[in-house]
Each structure stands twice: as C-alpha cells, then as structure tokens.
Amino acid sequence: MVEDKITTIKLRGSTREKLAEQGKKGESYDEILNKLLDIMKEKEQCKRDGNR
C-alpha cells in the first residue's frame, strides 16, 4: 500500500473560507477537497456520456 504523505498547500484566506463553507463540522480540508474533486469527476463523465 502506498503511504499518503501529508503536505501543505498555500491558499488565500478567502479561498480557505470558501472551502470551509463547503464542508461539514469536523470535516477536514482533505475530505472537502476530495468530495469536490469527486463531484467534478462525475460531472465531467456525464458530459462525456452526453448526460448533462
């Protein structure tokens, strides 16, 4: 199994706040970002399949 390293990314404070608004209490930024990336991936797949 590949070990996932913890990293840091630079964000503006306003971007951090927008991310926090998308999450639930206690949800990490990693969880929020992964959720948003999954949604984007699903939308892209729907576009490719012609199901907007």
PDB file of N, CA and C in Angstrom:
ATOM      1  N   MET A   1       0.847  -1.182   0.000  1.00  0.00           N
ATOM      2  CA  MET A   1       0.000   0.000   0.000  1.00  0.00           C
ATOM      3  C   MET A   1       0.890   1.241   0.000  1.00  0.00           C
ATOM      4  N   VAL A   2       0.532   2.215  -0.819  1.00  0.00           N
ATOM      5  CA  VAL A   2       1.301   3.447  -0.916  1.00  0.00           C
ATOM      6  C   VAL A   2       0.942   4.362   0.250  1.00  0.00           C
ATOM      7  N   GLU A   3       1.964   4.874   0.892  1.00  0.00           N
ATOM      8  CA  GLU A   3       1.738   5.784   2.019  1.00  0.00           C
ATOM      9  C   GLU A   3       1.388   7.165   1.502  1.00  0.00           C
ATOM     10  N   ASP A   4       0.289   7.739   1.999  1.00  0.00           N
ATOM     11  CA  ASP A   4      -0.075   9.108   1.646  1.00  0.00           C
ATOM     12  C   ASP A   4       0.634  10.057   2.597  1.00  0.00           C
ATOM     13  N   LYS A   5       1.503  10.883   2.041  1.00  0.00           N
ATOM     14  CA  LYS A   5       2.202  11.880   2.829  1.00  0.00           C
ATOM     15  C   LYS A   5       1.276  13.071   3.069  1.00  0.00           C
ATOM     16  N   ILE A   6       1.427  13.697   4.187  1.00  0.00           N
ATOM     17  CA  ILE A   6       0.714  14.935   4.482  1.00  0.00           C
ATOM     18  C   ILE A   6       1.537  16.067   3.885  1.00  0.00           C
ATOM     19  N   THR A   7       0.862  16.937   3.127  1.00  0.00           N
ATOM     20  CA  THR A   7       1.541  18.083   2.524  1.00  0.00           C
ATOM     21  C   THR A   7       0.779  19.354   2.864  1.00  0.00           C
ATOM     22  N   THR A   8       1.368  20.462   2.496  1.00  0.00           N
ATOM     23  CA  THR A   8       0.691  21.746   2.679  1.00  0.00           C
ATOM     24  C   THR A   8       0.523  22.411   1.330  1.00  0.00           C
ATOM     25  N   ILE A   9      -0.547  23.184   1.202  1.00  0.00           N
ATOM     26  CA  ILE A   9      -0.754  23.998   0.006  1.00  0.00           C
ATOM     27  C   ILE A   9      -1.072  25.420   0.465  1.00  0.00           C
ATOM     28  N   LYS A  10      -0.625  26.384  -0.310  1.00  0.00           N
ATOM     29  CA  LYS A  10      -0.887  27.777   0.028  1.00  0.00           C
ATOM     30  C   LYS A  10      -2.246  28.173  -0.529  1.00  0.00           C
ATOM     31  N   LEU A  11      -3.054  28.780   0.318  1.00  0.00           N
ATOM     32  CA  LEU A  11      -4.371  29.275  -0.072  1.00  0.00           C
ATOM     33  C   LEU A  11      -4.551  30.683   0.469  1.00  0.00           C
ATOM     34  N   ARG A  12      -5.284  31.475  -0.254  1.00  0.00           N
ATOM     35  CA  ARG A  12      -5.681  32.772   0.289  1.00  0.00           C
ATOM     36  C   ARG A  12      -6.700  32.507   1.390  1.00  0.00           C
ATOM     37  N   GLY A  13      -6.792  33.418   2.308  1.00  0.00           N
ATOM     38  CA  GLY A  13      -7.767  33.275   3.388  1.00  0.00           C
ATOM     39  C   GLY A  13      -9.183  33.144   2.860  1.00  0.00           C
ATOM     40  N   SER A  14      -9.494  33.906   1.812  1.00  0.00           N
ATOM     41  CA  SER A  14     -10.846  33.850   1.236  1.00  0.00           C
ATOM     42  C   SER A  14     -11.130  32.476   0.630  1.00  0.00           C
ATOM     43  N   THR A  15     -10.122  31.850   0.037  1.00  0.00           N
ATOM     44  CA  THR A  15     -10.293  30.505  -0.525  1.00  0.00           C
ATOM     45  C   THR A  15     -10.513  29.499   0.591  1.00  0.00           C
ATOM     46  N   ARG A  16      -9.778  29.641   1.660  1.00  0.00           N
ATOM     47  CA  ARG A  16      -9.929  28.757   2.820  1.00  0.00           C
ATOM     48  C   ARG A  16     -11.340  28.856   3.379  1.00  0.00           C
ATOM     49  N   GLU A  17     -11.869  30.059   3.451  1.00  0.00           N
ATOM     50  CA  GLU A  17     -13.225  30.250   3.961  1.00  0.00           C
ATOM     51  C   GLU A  17     -14.260  29.612   3.039  1.00  0.00           C
ATOM     52  N   LYS A  18     -14.060  29.741   1.726  1.00  0.00           N
ATOM     53  CA  LYS A  18     -14.977  29.107   0.767  1.00  0.00           C
ATOM     54  C   LYS A  18     -14.962  27.589   0.931  1.00  0.00           C
ATOM     55  N   LEU A  19     -13.779  27.031   1.134  1.00  0.00           N
ATOM     56  CA  LEU A  19     -13.669  25.590   1.364  1.00  0.00           C
ATOM     57  C   LEU A  19     -14.404  25.188   2.636  1.00  0.00           C
ATOM     58  N   ALA A  20     -14.210  25.957   3.687  1.00  0.00           N
ATOM     59  CA  ALA A  20     -14.850  25.653   4.962  1.00  0.00           C
ATOM     60  C   ALA A  20     -16.371  25.675   4.828  1.00  0.00           C
ATOM     61  N   GLU A  21     -16.892  26.583   4.006  1.00  0.00           N
ATOM     62  CA  GLU A  21     -18.338  26.675   3.793  1.00  0.00           C
ATOM     63  C   GLU A  21     -18.891  25.433   3.101  1.00  0.00           C
ATOM     64  N   GLN A  22     -18.063  24.735   2.340  1.00  0.00           N
ATOM     65  CA  GLN A  22     -18.499  23.545   1.617  1.00  0.00           C
ATOM     66  C   GLN A  22     -18.511  22.297   2.489  1.00  0.00           C
ATOM     67  N   GLY A  23     -17.820  22.358   3.603  1.00  0.00           N
ATOM     68  CA  GLY A  23     -17.699  21.180   4.453  1.00  0.00           C
ATOM     69  C   GLY A  23     -18.681  21.172   5.603  1.00  0.00           C
ATOM     70  N   LYS A  24     -18.677  20.051   6.290  1.00  0.00           N
ATOM     71  CA  LYS A  24     -19.484  19.885   7.494  1.00  0.00           C
ATOM     72  C   LYS A  24     -18.574  20.048   8.699  1.00  0.00           C
ATOM     73  N   LYS A  25     -19.170  20.314   9.847  1.00  0.00           N
ATOM     74  CA  LYS A  25     -18.383  20.485  11.067  1.00  0.00           C
ATOM     75  C   LYS A  25     -17.534  19.239  11.317  1.00  0.00           C
ATOM     76  N   GLY A  26     -16.269  19.449  11.556  1.00  0.00           N
ATOM     77  CA  GLY A  26     -15.354  18.342  11.831  1.00  0.00           C
ATOM     78  C   GLY A  26     -14.744  17.714  10.591  1.00  0.00           C
ATOM     79  N   GLU A  27     -15.195  18.132   9.406  1.00  0.00           N
ATOM     80  CA  GLU A  27     -14.661  17.572   8.162  1.00  0.00           C
ATOM     81  C   GLU A  27     -13.341  18.274   7.827  1.00  0.00           C
ATOM     82  N   SER A  28     -12.336  17.508   7.468  1.00  0.00           N
ATOM     83  CA  SER A  28     -11.028  18.091   7.156  1.00  0.00           C
ATOM     84  C   SER A  28     -11.037  18.713   5.762  1.00  0.00           C
ATOM     85  N   TYR A  29     -10.076  19.588   5.521  1.00  0.00           N
ATOM     86  CA  TYR A  29      -9.956  20.176   4.184  1.00  0.00           C
ATOM     87  C   TYR A  29      -9.660  19.100   3.153  1.00  0.00           C
ATOM     88  N   ASP A  30      -8.926  18.081   3.550  1.00  0.00           N
ATOM     89  CA  ASP A  30      -8.649  16.964   2.652  1.00  0.00           C
ATOM     90  C   ASP A  30      -9.961  16.294   2.231  1.00  0.00           C
ATOM     91  N   GLU A  31     -10.850  16.063   3.187  1.00  0.00           N
ATOM     92  CA  GLU A  31     -12.141  15.442   2.879  1.00  0.00           C
ATOM     93  C   GLU A  31     -12.996  16.340   1.980  1.00  0.00           C
ATOM     94  N   ILE A  32     -13.001  17.636   2.278  1.00  0.00           N
ATOM     95  CA  ILE A  32     -13.781  18.577   1.476  1.00  0.00           C
ATOM     96  C   ILE A  32     -13.258  18.606   0.044  1.00  0.00           C
ATOM     97  N   LEU A  33     -11.955  18.729  -0.110  1.00  0.00           N
ATOM     98  CA  LEU A  33     -11.369  18.781  -1.449  1.00  0.00           C
ATOM     99  C   LEU A  33     -11.630  17.495  -2.229  1.00  0.00           C
ATOM    100  N   ASN A  34     -11.502  16.350  -1.575  1.00  0.00           N
ATOM    101  CA  ASN A  34     -11.766  15.089  -2.257  1.00  0.00           C
ATOM    102  C   ASN A  34     -13.224  14.972  -2.675  1.00  0.00           C
ATOM    103  N   LYS A  35     -14.138  15.434  -1.828  1.00  0.00           N
ATOM    104  CA  LYS A  35     -15.556  15.421  -2.170  1.00  0.00           C
ATOM    105  C   LYS A  35     -15.814  16.293  -3.410  1.00  0.00           C
ATOM    106  N   LEU A  36     -15.246  17.492  -3.414  1.00  0.00           N
ATOM    107  CA  LEU A  36     -15.420  18.392  -4.551  1.00  0.00           C
ATOM    108  C   LEU A  36     -14.795  17.829  -5.825  1.00  0.00           C
ATOM    109  N   LEU A  37     -13.628  17.213  -5.703  1.00  0.00           N
ATOM    110  CA  LEU A  37     -12.983  16.596  -6.866  1.00  0.00           C
ATOM    111  C   LEU A  37     -13.810  15.438  -7.412  1.00  0.00           C
ATOM    112  N   ASP A  38     -14.425  14.651  -6.527  1.00  0.00           N
ATOM    113  CA  ASP A  38     -15.300  13.560  -6.975  1.00  0.00           C
ATOM    114  C   ASP A  38     -16.502  14.098  -7.732  1.00  0.00           C
ATOM    115  N   ILE A  39     -17.081  15.189  -7.243  1.00  0.00           N
ATOM    116  CA  ILE A  39     -18.221  15.806  -7.927  1.00  0.00           C
ATOM    117  C   ILE A  39     -17.812  16.292  -9.309  1.00  0.00           C
ATOM    118  N   MET A  40     -16.651  16.931  -9.399  1.00  0.00           N
ATOM    119  CA  MET A  40     -16.159  17.411 -10.695  1.00  0.00           C
ATOM    120  C   MET A  40     -15.936  16.252 -11.657  1.00  0.00           C
ATOM    121  N   LYS A  41     -15.381  15.164 -11.150  1.00  0.00           N
ATOM    122  CA  LYS A  41     -15.114  13.987 -11.978  1.00  0.00           C
ATOM    123  C   LYS A  41     -16.420  13.397 -12.499  1.00  0.00           C
ATOM    124  N   GLU A  42     -17.435  13.306 -11.637  1.00  0.00           N
ATOM    125  CA  GLU A  42     -18.743  12.790 -12.053  1.00  0.00           C
ATOM    126  C   GLU A  42     -19.376  13.677 -13.123  1.00  0.00           C
ATOM    127  N   LYS A  43     -19.294  14.992 -12.938  1.00  0.00           N
ATOM    128  CA  LYS A  43     -19.861  15.927 -13.922  1.00  0.00           C
ATOM    129  C   LYS A  43     -19.150  15.796 -15.266  1.00  0.00           C
ATOM    130  N   GLU A  44     -17.843  15.660 -15.232  1.00  0.00           N
ATOM    131  CA  GLU A  44     -17.072  15.506 -16.470  1.00  0.00           C
ATOM    132  C   GLU A  44     -17.461  14.212 -17.175  1.00  0.00           C
ATOM    133  N   GLN A  45     -17.647  13.139 -16.414  1.00  0.00           N
ATOM    134  CA  GLN A  45     -18.050  11.857 -17.004  1.00  0.00           C
ATOM    135  C   GLN A  45     -19.438  11.977 -17.644  1.00  0.00           C
ATOM    136  N   CYS A  46     -20.347  12.680 -16.979  1.00  0.00           N
ATOM    137  CA  CYS A  46     -21.693  12.889 -17.527  1.00  0.00           C
ATOM    138  C   CYS A  46     -21.621  13.674 -18.839  1.00  0.00           C
ATOM    139  N   LYS A  47     -20.763  14.675 -18.895  1.00  0.00           N
ATOM    140  CA  LYS A  47     -20.601  15.457 -20.124  1.00  0.00           C
ATOM    141  C   LYS A  47     -20.115  14.567 -21.264  1.00  0.00           C
ATOM    142  N   ARG A  48     -19.137  13.710 -20.948  1.00  0.00           N
ATOM    143  CA  ARG A  48     -18.607  12.814 -21.971  1.00  0.00           C
ATOM    144  C   ARG A  48     -19.665  11.816 -22.449  1.00  0.00           C
ATOM    145  N   ASP A  49     -20.533  11.412 -21.524  1.00  0.00           N
ATOM    146  CA  ASP A  49     -21.579  10.445 -21.852  1.00  0.00           C
ATOM    147  C   ASP A  49     -22.804  11.111 -22.467  1.00  0.00           C
ATOM    148  N   GLY A  50     -22.818  12.448 -22.488  1.00  0.00           N
ATOM    149  CA  GLY A  50     -23.946  13.178 -23.051  1.00  0.00           C
ATOM    150  C   GLY A  50     -25.118  13.333 -22.121  1.00  0.00           C
ATOM    151  N   ASN A  51     -24.904  13.146 -20.817  1.00  0.00           N
ATOM    152  CA  ASN A  51     -25.966  13.271 -19.816  1.00  0.00           C
ATOM    153  C   ASN A  51     -25.710  14.487 -18.942  1.00  0.00           C
ATOM    154  N   ARG A  52     -25.965  15.640 -19.444  1.00  0.00           N
ATOM    155  CA  ARG A  52     -25.712  16.855 -18.673  1.00  0.00           C
ATOM    156  C   ARG A  52     -26.706  16.948 -17.607  1.00  0.00           C
TER     157      ARG A  52
END
